[in-house]
Structures are given as structure tokens and as C-alpha cells.
N, C-alpha and C. Protein backbone atom coordinates (compact mmCIF):
# COMPACT_ATOMS: atom_id res chain seq x y z
N MET A 1 13.94 -11.99 4.79
CA MET A 1 13.44 -13.30 4.52
C MET A 1 14.61 -14.23 4.32
N SER A 2 14.50 -15.42 4.78
CA SER A 2 15.61 -16.34 4.65
C SER A 2 15.33 -17.36 3.56
N THR A 3 15.46 -16.91 2.32
CA THR A 3 15.29 -17.80 1.18
C THR A 3 16.44 -17.55 0.21
N THR A 4 16.78 -18.57 -0.55
CA THR A 4 17.80 -18.37 -1.57
C THR A 4 17.19 -17.80 -2.84
N GLN A 5 15.93 -18.07 -3.08
CA GLN A 5 15.22 -17.51 -4.22
C GLN A 5 14.34 -16.38 -3.73
N PRO A 6 14.31 -15.26 -4.42
CA PRO A 6 13.41 -14.19 -4.00
C PRO A 6 11.97 -14.61 -4.24
N PRO A 7 11.04 -14.17 -3.37
CA PRO A 7 9.65 -14.48 -3.60
C PRO A 7 9.20 -13.92 -4.94
N ALA A 8 8.27 -14.60 -5.55
CA ALA A 8 7.76 -14.16 -6.85
C ALA A 8 6.84 -12.98 -6.67
N ALA A 9 6.70 -12.22 -7.76
CA ALA A 9 5.71 -11.16 -7.76
C ALA A 9 4.34 -11.80 -7.81
N SER A 10 3.34 -11.07 -7.37
CA SER A 10 1.99 -11.58 -7.47
C SER A 10 1.60 -11.66 -8.94
N PRO A 11 0.54 -12.41 -9.27
CA PRO A 11 0.15 -12.57 -10.67
C PRO A 11 -0.02 -11.25 -11.41
N ALA A 12 -0.52 -10.23 -10.72
CA ALA A 12 -0.71 -8.94 -11.38
C ALA A 12 0.40 -7.96 -11.02
N GLY A 13 1.48 -8.46 -10.44
CA GLY A 13 2.55 -7.60 -9.96
C GLY A 13 3.35 -6.96 -11.07
N PRO A 14 4.06 -5.90 -10.74
CA PRO A 14 4.85 -5.20 -11.74
C PRO A 14 6.07 -6.03 -12.14
N GLN A 15 6.57 -5.77 -13.30
CA GLN A 15 7.78 -6.43 -13.77
C GLN A 15 8.97 -5.63 -13.26
N ILE A 16 9.60 -6.15 -12.21
CA ILE A 16 10.80 -5.50 -11.70
C ILE A 16 11.93 -6.52 -11.77
N PRO A 17 13.15 -6.06 -11.96
CA PRO A 17 14.28 -6.99 -12.09
C PRO A 17 14.42 -7.89 -10.86
N ALA A 18 14.87 -9.11 -11.09
CA ALA A 18 15.03 -10.09 -10.01
C ALA A 18 15.97 -9.59 -8.94
N ASP A 19 17.04 -8.87 -9.32
CA ASP A 19 17.98 -8.39 -8.30
C ASP A 19 17.34 -7.33 -7.41
N VAL A 20 16.43 -6.53 -7.96
CA VAL A 20 15.72 -5.54 -7.17
C VAL A 20 14.77 -6.24 -6.20
N ARG A 21 14.03 -7.21 -6.71
CA ARG A 21 13.12 -7.97 -5.86
C ARG A 21 13.89 -8.69 -4.75
N GLU A 22 15.05 -9.24 -5.10
CA GLU A 22 15.88 -9.94 -4.10
C GLU A 22 16.40 -8.97 -3.03
N LEU A 23 16.83 -7.78 -3.46
CA LEU A 23 17.30 -6.78 -2.50
C LEU A 23 16.18 -6.42 -1.51
N LEU A 24 15.00 -6.13 -2.02
CA LEU A 24 13.88 -5.75 -1.15
C LEU A 24 13.51 -6.89 -0.21
N ALA A 25 13.40 -8.09 -0.76
CA ALA A 25 13.01 -9.25 0.06
C ALA A 25 14.04 -9.55 1.14
N SER A 26 15.32 -9.34 0.83
CA SER A 26 16.37 -9.65 1.80
C SER A 26 16.36 -8.71 3.00
N ARG A 27 15.70 -7.56 2.86
CA ARG A 27 15.65 -6.59 3.95
C ARG A 27 14.37 -6.69 4.79
N ILE A 28 13.51 -7.62 4.45
CA ILE A 28 12.30 -7.86 5.24
C ILE A 28 12.58 -9.05 6.15
N HIS A 29 12.49 -8.83 7.44
CA HIS A 29 12.85 -9.87 8.40
C HIS A 29 11.62 -10.51 9.02
N ASP A 30 11.72 -11.81 9.25
CA ASP A 30 10.68 -12.56 9.95
C ASP A 30 10.88 -12.43 11.45
N VAL A 31 9.81 -12.11 12.15
CA VAL A 31 9.83 -12.03 13.61
C VAL A 31 8.79 -13.02 14.13
N PRO A 32 9.24 -14.19 14.62
CA PRO A 32 8.28 -15.19 15.07
C PRO A 32 7.55 -14.77 16.34
N ASP A 33 6.31 -15.23 16.43
CA ASP A 33 5.47 -15.03 17.62
C ASP A 33 5.24 -13.57 17.98
N TYR A 34 5.12 -12.72 16.95
CA TYR A 34 4.81 -11.31 17.19
C TYR A 34 3.64 -10.92 16.29
N PRO A 35 2.61 -10.28 16.77
CA PRO A 35 2.42 -9.76 18.12
C PRO A 35 1.86 -10.78 19.11
N LYS A 36 1.63 -12.01 18.62
CA LYS A 36 1.17 -13.06 19.54
C LYS A 36 1.71 -14.39 19.06
N PRO A 37 1.71 -15.40 19.92
CA PRO A 37 2.25 -16.71 19.55
C PRO A 37 1.57 -17.27 18.29
N GLY A 38 2.40 -17.85 17.43
CA GLY A 38 1.90 -18.45 16.20
C GLY A 38 1.91 -17.54 15.00
N VAL A 39 2.15 -16.25 15.19
CA VAL A 39 2.18 -15.28 14.09
C VAL A 39 3.62 -15.05 13.67
N MET A 40 3.87 -15.07 12.35
CA MET A 40 5.18 -14.72 11.81
C MET A 40 5.07 -13.32 11.22
N PHE A 41 5.55 -12.33 11.95
CA PHE A 41 5.46 -10.94 11.55
C PHE A 41 6.54 -10.63 10.52
N LYS A 42 6.17 -9.91 9.47
CA LYS A 42 7.09 -9.48 8.42
C LYS A 42 7.50 -8.04 8.73
N ASP A 43 8.71 -7.85 9.21
CA ASP A 43 9.20 -6.54 9.65
C ASP A 43 9.91 -5.83 8.51
N ILE A 44 9.36 -4.68 8.08
CA ILE A 44 9.97 -3.91 6.99
C ILE A 44 10.93 -2.84 7.49
N THR A 45 11.07 -2.68 8.81
CA THR A 45 11.94 -1.61 9.30
C THR A 45 13.40 -1.78 8.90
N PRO A 46 13.94 -3.01 8.76
CA PRO A 46 15.32 -3.11 8.25
C PRO A 46 15.45 -2.57 6.82
N LEU A 47 14.42 -2.72 6.01
CA LEU A 47 14.44 -2.18 4.65
C LEU A 47 14.47 -0.65 4.71
N LEU A 48 13.67 -0.08 5.59
CA LEU A 48 13.63 1.38 5.72
C LEU A 48 14.96 1.94 6.23
N ALA A 49 15.66 1.17 7.04
CA ALA A 49 16.94 1.61 7.61
C ALA A 49 18.09 1.51 6.61
N ASP A 50 17.89 0.81 5.52
CA ASP A 50 18.91 0.63 4.48
C ASP A 50 18.66 1.66 3.38
N ALA A 51 19.49 2.68 3.30
CA ALA A 51 19.26 3.79 2.36
C ALA A 51 19.15 3.31 0.92
N GLN A 52 19.99 2.34 0.52
CA GLN A 52 19.93 1.85 -0.86
C GLN A 52 18.62 1.13 -1.13
N ALA A 53 18.22 0.24 -0.25
CA ALA A 53 16.99 -0.53 -0.45
C ALA A 53 15.77 0.39 -0.43
N PHE A 54 15.75 1.34 0.50
CA PHE A 54 14.62 2.27 0.58
C PHE A 54 14.54 3.13 -0.67
N SER A 55 15.69 3.57 -1.18
CA SER A 55 15.71 4.37 -2.40
C SER A 55 15.22 3.57 -3.61
N VAL A 56 15.65 2.30 -3.68
CA VAL A 56 15.20 1.43 -4.77
C VAL A 56 13.69 1.23 -4.69
N LEU A 57 13.17 0.97 -3.49
CA LEU A 57 11.73 0.81 -3.32
C LEU A 57 10.99 2.08 -3.73
N THR A 58 11.51 3.23 -3.34
CA THR A 58 10.89 4.50 -3.71
C THR A 58 10.87 4.67 -5.22
N ASP A 59 11.96 4.30 -5.89
CA ASP A 59 12.01 4.37 -7.36
C ASP A 59 10.95 3.49 -8.00
N VAL A 60 10.80 2.27 -7.49
CA VAL A 60 9.82 1.33 -8.05
C VAL A 60 8.41 1.88 -7.90
N LEU A 61 8.09 2.37 -6.69
CA LEU A 61 6.75 2.91 -6.46
C LEU A 61 6.49 4.17 -7.29
N ALA A 62 7.50 5.04 -7.41
CA ALA A 62 7.35 6.23 -8.25
C ALA A 62 7.17 5.84 -9.71
N GLY A 63 7.84 4.76 -10.13
CA GLY A 63 7.67 4.27 -11.50
C GLY A 63 6.26 3.78 -11.77
N ILE A 64 5.66 3.10 -10.79
CA ILE A 64 4.27 2.65 -10.93
C ILE A 64 3.36 3.87 -11.05
N ALA A 65 3.61 4.89 -10.22
CA ALA A 65 2.81 6.12 -10.28
C ALA A 65 2.94 6.79 -11.64
N ALA A 66 4.16 6.86 -12.17
CA ALA A 66 4.37 7.49 -13.48
C ALA A 66 3.65 6.71 -14.58
N LYS A 67 3.73 5.39 -14.51
CA LYS A 67 3.06 4.56 -15.52
C LYS A 67 1.55 4.79 -15.50
N GLN A 68 0.99 5.00 -14.32
CA GLN A 68 -0.45 5.22 -14.19
C GLN A 68 -0.84 6.69 -14.37
N ARG A 69 0.15 7.57 -14.59
CA ARG A 69 -0.09 9.00 -14.80
C ARG A 69 -0.93 9.59 -13.66
N VAL A 70 -0.49 9.33 -12.42
CA VAL A 70 -1.25 9.79 -11.26
C VAL A 70 -1.03 11.28 -11.00
N THR A 71 -2.00 11.88 -10.35
CA THR A 71 -1.86 13.27 -9.90
C THR A 71 -1.63 13.32 -8.39
N LYS A 72 -1.99 12.23 -7.68
CA LYS A 72 -1.79 12.15 -6.23
C LYS A 72 -1.48 10.71 -5.84
N ILE A 73 -0.68 10.58 -4.81
CA ILE A 73 -0.47 9.30 -4.16
C ILE A 73 -1.13 9.37 -2.80
N VAL A 74 -1.87 8.33 -2.46
CA VAL A 74 -2.53 8.23 -1.17
C VAL A 74 -1.83 7.15 -0.37
N GLY A 75 -1.41 7.49 0.85
CA GLY A 75 -0.79 6.52 1.74
C GLY A 75 -1.73 6.14 2.86
N LEU A 76 -1.79 4.83 3.15
CA LEU A 76 -2.66 4.34 4.22
C LEU A 76 -1.90 4.29 5.53
N GLU A 77 -2.58 4.72 6.60
CA GLU A 77 -1.95 4.75 7.92
C GLU A 77 -1.51 3.35 8.33
N ALA A 78 -0.32 3.24 8.87
CA ALA A 78 0.67 4.29 9.07
C ALA A 78 1.86 4.06 8.15
N ARG A 79 2.20 2.80 7.87
CA ARG A 79 3.40 2.57 7.06
C ARG A 79 3.21 2.97 5.60
N GLY A 80 1.96 3.09 5.15
CA GLY A 80 1.72 3.62 3.82
C GLY A 80 2.18 5.06 3.69
N PHE A 81 2.22 5.79 4.83
CA PHE A 81 2.76 7.16 4.81
C PHE A 81 4.26 7.11 4.52
N ILE A 82 4.94 6.18 5.18
CA ILE A 82 6.40 6.08 5.07
C ILE A 82 6.81 5.71 3.65
N LEU A 83 6.04 4.86 2.99
CA LEU A 83 6.36 4.45 1.62
C LEU A 83 5.81 5.42 0.59
N GLY A 84 4.61 5.93 0.82
CA GLY A 84 3.95 6.76 -0.17
C GLY A 84 4.49 8.16 -0.30
N ALA A 85 4.85 8.80 0.82
CA ALA A 85 5.32 10.19 0.76
C ALA A 85 6.59 10.34 -0.08
N PRO A 86 7.65 9.53 0.14
CA PRO A 86 8.83 9.71 -0.71
C PRO A 86 8.56 9.33 -2.17
N ALA A 87 7.67 8.37 -2.40
CA ALA A 87 7.32 8.02 -3.78
C ALA A 87 6.62 9.19 -4.46
N ALA A 88 5.76 9.91 -3.72
CA ALA A 88 5.09 11.08 -4.28
C ALA A 88 6.10 12.17 -4.64
N VAL A 89 7.05 12.42 -3.74
CA VAL A 89 8.07 13.42 -4.02
C VAL A 89 8.87 13.02 -5.26
N ARG A 90 9.28 11.75 -5.31
CA ARG A 90 10.07 11.27 -6.45
C ARG A 90 9.27 11.36 -7.75
N ALA A 91 7.96 11.10 -7.68
CA ALA A 91 7.11 11.13 -8.88
C ALA A 91 6.66 12.55 -9.23
N GLY A 92 6.90 13.51 -8.32
CA GLY A 92 6.51 14.89 -8.59
C GLY A 92 5.01 15.13 -8.47
N VAL A 93 4.35 14.40 -7.57
CA VAL A 93 2.91 14.56 -7.37
C VAL A 93 2.63 14.79 -5.89
N GLY A 94 1.40 15.18 -5.58
CA GLY A 94 1.00 15.42 -4.20
C GLY A 94 0.79 14.13 -3.43
N PHE A 95 0.79 14.26 -2.10
CA PHE A 95 0.57 13.12 -1.21
C PHE A 95 -0.61 13.42 -0.30
N VAL A 96 -1.50 12.45 -0.15
CA VAL A 96 -2.68 12.59 0.70
C VAL A 96 -2.75 11.39 1.64
N PRO A 97 -2.82 11.63 2.97
CA PRO A 97 -2.93 10.51 3.90
C PRO A 97 -4.37 10.08 4.13
N VAL A 98 -4.58 8.77 4.27
CA VAL A 98 -5.83 8.22 4.78
C VAL A 98 -5.52 7.77 6.19
N ARG A 99 -6.27 8.32 7.17
CA ARG A 99 -5.96 8.10 8.57
C ARG A 99 -7.10 7.41 9.30
N LYS A 100 -6.77 6.91 10.48
CA LYS A 100 -7.79 6.40 11.39
C LYS A 100 -8.69 7.56 11.79
N ALA A 101 -9.94 7.24 12.10
CA ALA A 101 -10.91 8.27 12.45
C ALA A 101 -10.42 9.12 13.62
N GLY A 102 -10.68 10.43 13.51
CA GLY A 102 -10.35 11.36 14.57
C GLY A 102 -8.94 11.90 14.56
N LYS A 103 -8.15 11.57 13.56
CA LYS A 103 -6.75 12.02 13.51
C LYS A 103 -6.52 13.22 12.60
N LEU A 104 -7.48 13.55 11.75
CA LEU A 104 -7.33 14.66 10.81
C LEU A 104 -8.15 15.86 11.27
N PRO A 105 -7.58 17.06 11.27
CA PRO A 105 -8.36 18.26 11.60
C PRO A 105 -9.20 18.69 10.40
N GLY A 106 -10.20 19.49 10.66
CA GLY A 106 -11.00 20.05 9.58
C GLY A 106 -12.02 19.07 9.03
N ALA A 107 -12.56 19.44 7.88
CA ALA A 107 -13.61 18.64 7.24
C ALA A 107 -13.02 17.36 6.65
N THR A 108 -13.67 16.24 6.94
CA THR A 108 -13.22 14.95 6.43
C THR A 108 -14.38 14.15 5.86
N LEU A 109 -14.04 13.19 5.05
CA LEU A 109 -14.98 12.15 4.63
C LEU A 109 -14.53 10.88 5.33
N SER A 110 -15.48 10.03 5.72
CA SER A 110 -15.10 8.81 6.42
C SER A 110 -15.75 7.59 5.79
N GLN A 111 -15.17 6.46 6.09
CA GLN A 111 -15.66 5.17 5.59
C GLN A 111 -15.48 4.14 6.69
N SER A 112 -16.55 3.44 7.04
CA SER A 112 -16.48 2.37 8.02
C SER A 112 -16.30 1.04 7.30
N TYR A 113 -15.68 0.10 8.00
CA TYR A 113 -15.53 -1.25 7.45
C TYR A 113 -15.44 -2.25 8.58
N ASP A 114 -15.74 -3.49 8.25
CA ASP A 114 -15.77 -4.55 9.25
C ASP A 114 -14.40 -5.17 9.45
N LEU A 115 -14.09 -5.45 10.69
CA LEU A 115 -12.91 -6.21 11.08
C LEU A 115 -13.37 -7.59 11.54
N GLU A 116 -12.43 -8.46 11.83
CA GLU A 116 -12.78 -9.79 12.28
C GLU A 116 -13.66 -9.73 13.53
N TYR A 117 -13.32 -8.83 14.45
CA TYR A 117 -14.09 -8.67 15.68
C TYR A 117 -14.44 -7.21 15.90
N GLY A 118 -15.38 -6.70 15.13
CA GLY A 118 -15.79 -5.32 15.30
C GLY A 118 -15.73 -4.54 14.00
N SER A 119 -15.50 -3.24 14.12
CA SER A 119 -15.43 -2.40 12.93
C SER A 119 -14.41 -1.28 13.17
N ALA A 120 -14.06 -0.61 12.09
CA ALA A 120 -13.12 0.51 12.15
C ALA A 120 -13.60 1.57 11.16
N ARG A 121 -13.00 2.75 11.27
CA ARG A 121 -13.36 3.85 10.38
C ARG A 121 -12.10 4.59 9.98
N ILE A 122 -12.02 4.94 8.71
CA ILE A 122 -10.90 5.71 8.18
C ILE A 122 -11.42 7.03 7.62
N GLU A 123 -10.50 8.01 7.50
CA GLU A 123 -10.90 9.32 7.01
C GLU A 123 -9.85 9.91 6.07
N VAL A 124 -10.32 10.83 5.24
CA VAL A 124 -9.45 11.60 4.36
C VAL A 124 -9.95 13.04 4.40
N HIS A 125 -9.04 14.02 4.25
CA HIS A 125 -9.47 15.41 4.17
C HIS A 125 -10.42 15.59 2.99
N ALA A 126 -11.51 16.26 3.23
CA ALA A 126 -12.52 16.46 2.19
C ALA A 126 -11.96 17.21 0.98
N GLU A 127 -11.03 18.13 1.24
CA GLU A 127 -10.47 18.93 0.14
C GLU A 127 -9.17 18.35 -0.42
N GLY A 128 -8.73 17.20 0.09
CA GLY A 128 -7.45 16.63 -0.33
C GLY A 128 -7.45 16.09 -1.75
N LEU A 129 -8.61 15.65 -2.21
CA LEU A 129 -8.74 15.08 -3.56
C LEU A 129 -9.95 15.70 -4.23
N ALA A 130 -9.94 15.70 -5.55
CA ALA A 130 -11.05 16.30 -6.29
C ALA A 130 -11.34 15.47 -7.53
N GLU A 131 -12.47 15.74 -8.10
CA GLU A 131 -12.83 15.09 -9.35
C GLU A 131 -11.73 15.38 -10.37
N GLY A 132 -11.32 14.36 -11.08
CA GLY A 132 -10.24 14.49 -12.05
C GLY A 132 -8.89 14.02 -11.54
N ASP A 133 -8.73 13.93 -10.21
CA ASP A 133 -7.48 13.39 -9.67
C ASP A 133 -7.37 11.91 -10.01
N ARG A 134 -6.17 11.52 -10.40
CA ARG A 134 -5.85 10.10 -10.65
C ARG A 134 -4.98 9.65 -9.49
N VAL A 135 -5.47 8.67 -8.73
CA VAL A 135 -4.88 8.32 -7.44
C VAL A 135 -4.30 6.92 -7.45
N LEU A 136 -3.07 6.81 -6.95
CA LEU A 136 -2.46 5.51 -6.65
C LEU A 136 -2.43 5.37 -5.14
N VAL A 137 -2.99 4.29 -4.62
CA VAL A 137 -2.98 4.00 -3.19
C VAL A 137 -1.75 3.15 -2.89
N ILE A 138 -1.01 3.51 -1.84
CA ILE A 138 0.20 2.76 -1.45
C ILE A 138 0.09 2.34 0.01
N ASP A 139 0.45 1.09 0.27
CA ASP A 139 0.53 0.58 1.63
C ASP A 139 1.69 -0.40 1.70
N ASP A 140 2.06 -0.78 2.91
CA ASP A 140 3.19 -1.70 3.07
C ASP A 140 2.79 -3.14 2.81
N VAL A 141 1.65 -3.57 3.39
CA VAL A 141 1.27 -4.98 3.33
C VAL A 141 -0.20 -5.11 2.95
N LEU A 142 -0.49 -6.06 2.07
CA LEU A 142 -1.86 -6.46 1.80
C LEU A 142 -2.10 -7.77 2.54
N ALA A 143 -2.99 -7.74 3.52
CA ALA A 143 -3.31 -8.94 4.30
C ALA A 143 -4.72 -9.38 3.92
N THR A 144 -5.71 -9.08 4.76
CA THR A 144 -7.09 -9.48 4.45
C THR A 144 -7.78 -8.52 3.49
N GLY A 145 -7.23 -7.32 3.33
CA GLY A 145 -7.74 -6.38 2.35
C GLY A 145 -8.82 -5.43 2.82
N GLY A 146 -9.21 -5.50 4.08
CA GLY A 146 -10.30 -4.65 4.57
C GLY A 146 -10.01 -3.17 4.49
N THR A 147 -8.83 -2.76 4.95
CA THR A 147 -8.49 -1.34 4.93
C THR A 147 -8.33 -0.84 3.49
N ALA A 148 -7.69 -1.64 2.65
CA ALA A 148 -7.50 -1.23 1.26
C ALA A 148 -8.84 -1.11 0.53
N GLU A 149 -9.72 -2.07 0.74
CA GLU A 149 -11.04 -2.02 0.11
C GLU A 149 -11.80 -0.77 0.57
N ALA A 150 -11.82 -0.51 1.87
CA ALA A 150 -12.51 0.67 2.39
C ALA A 150 -11.89 1.96 1.85
N SER A 151 -10.58 1.99 1.71
CA SER A 151 -9.89 3.17 1.18
C SER A 151 -10.32 3.45 -0.26
N VAL A 152 -10.38 2.43 -1.07
CA VAL A 152 -10.82 2.61 -2.46
C VAL A 152 -12.23 3.19 -2.49
N GLN A 153 -13.12 2.64 -1.67
CA GLN A 153 -14.50 3.14 -1.61
C GLN A 153 -14.52 4.60 -1.16
N LEU A 154 -13.75 4.92 -0.14
CA LEU A 154 -13.68 6.29 0.38
C LEU A 154 -13.16 7.26 -0.67
N LEU A 155 -12.08 6.90 -1.33
CA LEU A 155 -11.46 7.80 -2.30
C LEU A 155 -12.37 8.06 -3.49
N ARG A 156 -13.11 7.07 -3.90
CA ARG A 156 -14.04 7.27 -5.02
C ARG A 156 -15.12 8.28 -4.64
N ARG A 157 -15.48 8.35 -3.38
CA ARG A 157 -16.50 9.30 -2.94
C ARG A 157 -16.01 10.74 -3.06
N THR A 158 -14.71 10.96 -3.15
CA THR A 158 -14.17 12.32 -3.34
C THR A 158 -14.30 12.78 -4.78
N GLY A 159 -14.61 11.86 -5.68
CA GLY A 159 -14.65 12.16 -7.11
C GLY A 159 -13.37 11.77 -7.82
N ALA A 160 -12.34 11.36 -7.06
CA ALA A 160 -11.07 10.95 -7.66
C ALA A 160 -11.22 9.58 -8.32
N GLU A 161 -10.36 9.32 -9.29
CA GLU A 161 -10.29 8.02 -9.94
C GLU A 161 -9.14 7.23 -9.32
N VAL A 162 -9.46 6.09 -8.74
CA VAL A 162 -8.43 5.21 -8.18
C VAL A 162 -7.88 4.37 -9.33
N VAL A 163 -6.62 4.64 -9.70
CA VAL A 163 -6.04 3.98 -10.88
C VAL A 163 -5.16 2.79 -10.50
N GLY A 164 -5.03 2.51 -9.20
CA GLY A 164 -4.27 1.34 -8.78
C GLY A 164 -3.96 1.35 -7.31
N LEU A 165 -3.48 0.20 -6.85
CA LEU A 165 -3.02 0.01 -5.49
C LEU A 165 -1.68 -0.70 -5.58
N ALA A 166 -0.70 -0.20 -4.86
CA ALA A 166 0.63 -0.82 -4.83
C ALA A 166 1.01 -1.10 -3.39
N VAL A 167 1.50 -2.32 -3.16
CA VAL A 167 1.97 -2.72 -1.83
C VAL A 167 3.35 -3.34 -1.96
N LEU A 168 4.14 -3.19 -0.92
CA LEU A 168 5.45 -3.83 -0.88
C LEU A 168 5.30 -5.33 -0.77
N LEU A 169 4.40 -5.80 0.10
CA LEU A 169 4.32 -7.21 0.43
C LEU A 169 2.87 -7.67 0.47
N GLU A 170 2.58 -8.76 -0.22
CA GLU A 170 1.25 -9.37 -0.19
C GLU A 170 1.32 -10.69 0.55
N LEU A 171 0.49 -10.84 1.57
CA LEU A 171 0.37 -12.10 2.29
C LEU A 171 -0.77 -12.89 1.64
N GLY A 172 -0.43 -13.61 0.59
CA GLY A 172 -1.44 -14.26 -0.25
C GLY A 172 -2.32 -15.25 0.48
N PHE A 173 -1.80 -15.89 1.51
CA PHE A 173 -2.56 -16.90 2.23
C PHE A 173 -3.73 -16.30 3.01
N LEU A 174 -3.80 -14.96 3.14
CA LEU A 174 -4.91 -14.32 3.85
C LEU A 174 -6.05 -13.90 2.92
N GLY A 175 -5.84 -14.04 1.61
CA GLY A 175 -6.94 -13.86 0.66
C GLY A 175 -7.40 -12.44 0.39
N GLY A 176 -6.60 -11.45 0.69
CA GLY A 176 -7.02 -10.07 0.48
C GLY A 176 -7.10 -9.65 -0.97
N ARG A 177 -6.34 -10.30 -1.84
CA ARG A 177 -6.30 -9.89 -3.25
C ARG A 177 -7.68 -9.90 -3.89
N GLU A 178 -8.42 -10.98 -3.74
CA GLU A 178 -9.74 -11.08 -4.38
C GLU A 178 -10.66 -9.96 -3.92
N ARG A 179 -10.66 -9.70 -2.63
CA ARG A 179 -11.49 -8.64 -2.06
C ARG A 179 -11.13 -7.28 -2.64
N VAL A 180 -9.84 -6.98 -2.71
CA VAL A 180 -9.40 -5.67 -3.19
C VAL A 180 -9.58 -5.55 -4.70
N GLU A 181 -9.33 -6.61 -5.44
CA GLU A 181 -9.52 -6.54 -6.89
C GLU A 181 -10.97 -6.24 -7.25
N ARG A 182 -11.91 -6.79 -6.49
CA ARG A 182 -13.33 -6.45 -6.73
C ARG A 182 -13.54 -4.95 -6.54
N ALA A 183 -12.98 -4.39 -5.46
CA ALA A 183 -13.13 -2.96 -5.20
C ALA A 183 -12.45 -2.12 -6.26
N LEU A 184 -11.30 -2.58 -6.75
CA LEU A 184 -10.55 -1.82 -7.75
C LEU A 184 -11.23 -1.82 -9.12
N ALA A 185 -12.11 -2.78 -9.37
CA ALA A 185 -12.90 -2.82 -10.60
C ALA A 185 -12.04 -2.65 -11.86
N GLY A 186 -10.98 -3.44 -11.94
CA GLY A 186 -10.14 -3.44 -13.14
C GLY A 186 -8.84 -2.66 -13.03
N ALA A 187 -8.74 -1.77 -12.06
CA ALA A 187 -7.48 -1.06 -11.84
C ALA A 187 -6.48 -2.07 -11.26
N PRO A 188 -5.18 -1.93 -11.57
CA PRO A 188 -4.21 -2.93 -11.13
C PRO A 188 -3.89 -2.92 -9.64
N LEU A 189 -3.62 -4.10 -9.13
CA LEU A 189 -3.11 -4.29 -7.79
C LEU A 189 -1.69 -4.81 -7.95
N ASP A 190 -0.70 -3.98 -7.62
CA ASP A 190 0.71 -4.33 -7.77
C ASP A 190 1.31 -4.69 -6.43
N ALA A 191 1.71 -5.94 -6.27
CA ALA A 191 2.43 -6.38 -5.07
C ALA A 191 3.86 -6.68 -5.50
N LEU A 192 4.82 -5.99 -4.90
CA LEU A 192 6.21 -6.17 -5.31
C LEU A 192 6.75 -7.53 -4.88
N ILE A 193 6.29 -8.01 -3.73
CA ILE A 193 6.71 -9.31 -3.21
C ILE A 193 5.47 -10.02 -2.70
N ALA A 194 5.32 -11.29 -3.01
CA ALA A 194 4.17 -12.07 -2.54
C ALA A 194 4.67 -13.30 -1.78
N VAL A 195 4.08 -13.55 -0.62
CA VAL A 195 4.39 -14.75 0.15
C VAL A 195 3.10 -15.47 0.49
């Protein structure tokens, strides 16, 4: 991001030091007109390529997991896998992926949700979570909130308790926070950077 001031945390965001927030924000690059004209894409791959920034991000996410006393971290396809798996290892808890329909072998639970033009379906392994599990959901970006909302609904059907959602970047102008906070029913939504 090309700003002299780091973006603020979202209203419900975690308290992380300004230098950490600045480091993370500085590694997210704007890509104009991608994937179509008029869209400003927020590319997190430079952050992932920077070992120090990626390690700091992993520490922050693992810290959120520890604060919530989670037993599992759930990552949303696909970049939620990249952020969630190392955070789970760092926090000493298991990792469970939520995938697009048809990508997981064996018995699954699924959840459909509406998109702007159509619908989609996500799945989780039926045996991946159980009653009593305390789950933190991790993804890279919160946009309109459809996938995150559907994930919370899906995970609750396993008997697990969803104790929070953490994202690297919240695109506040798309209004996903309100939708996801309703689904979270009081559990925190932590956005490390909000634009």
C-alpha cells in the first residue's frame, strides 16, 4: 500500500503495535484493473514472500488463537490455508480446511450460499471438527462476507463453537462486516488492516 500512515485496525480489530501493522500493510501491493478494469486488487503475495512479514503475521494470528483458547484453526479456501496452517502450527492446534464443493474426499458437510450472480457451496470433512472444539476461522480478505458467513454456519453444524474470525485485510467499503458479525453472534471479528 502506498500510504505514509498505516491503515487503521477495524473497530473490533486486535490491538497490534503500529510498527507491526505498518510492516504488514507495506507488503500488500495494489494492482490496478485486476481482475477487470476498475478493480484495485490487494495482492498479499509480496507479504508471503517476505519471511519476516509472514512470520510476524503468523505470530499475530497465533496470538489471536491463543487468546481465544482455540482447539482448531479453520482456513478458508484458498489463501486462508496459507495463513491459517502456519498459525495453527505456531499455536499448537490442529488445522481444518473449508474447501469448495467436490474437493474433499470422504464424508463431508456442505453449506450453500448466494453470490451476486448465482450460488456456491463449501464443504468441510465431517470428522474434522467435533462438539467441544473451539474454532478460529482465518482468511486473507473480508469483502462482502458471503463465504465467511456460510463457513460460520457450516462449522456450527459440526457441533464446534466458532469463537472468532480473523482476516488480514478488511475491505470495509463492501460491507461484509455487518453480515459476518450477525453470523458470529457476539464472537469477535478481527481485521488486522482495514481499508
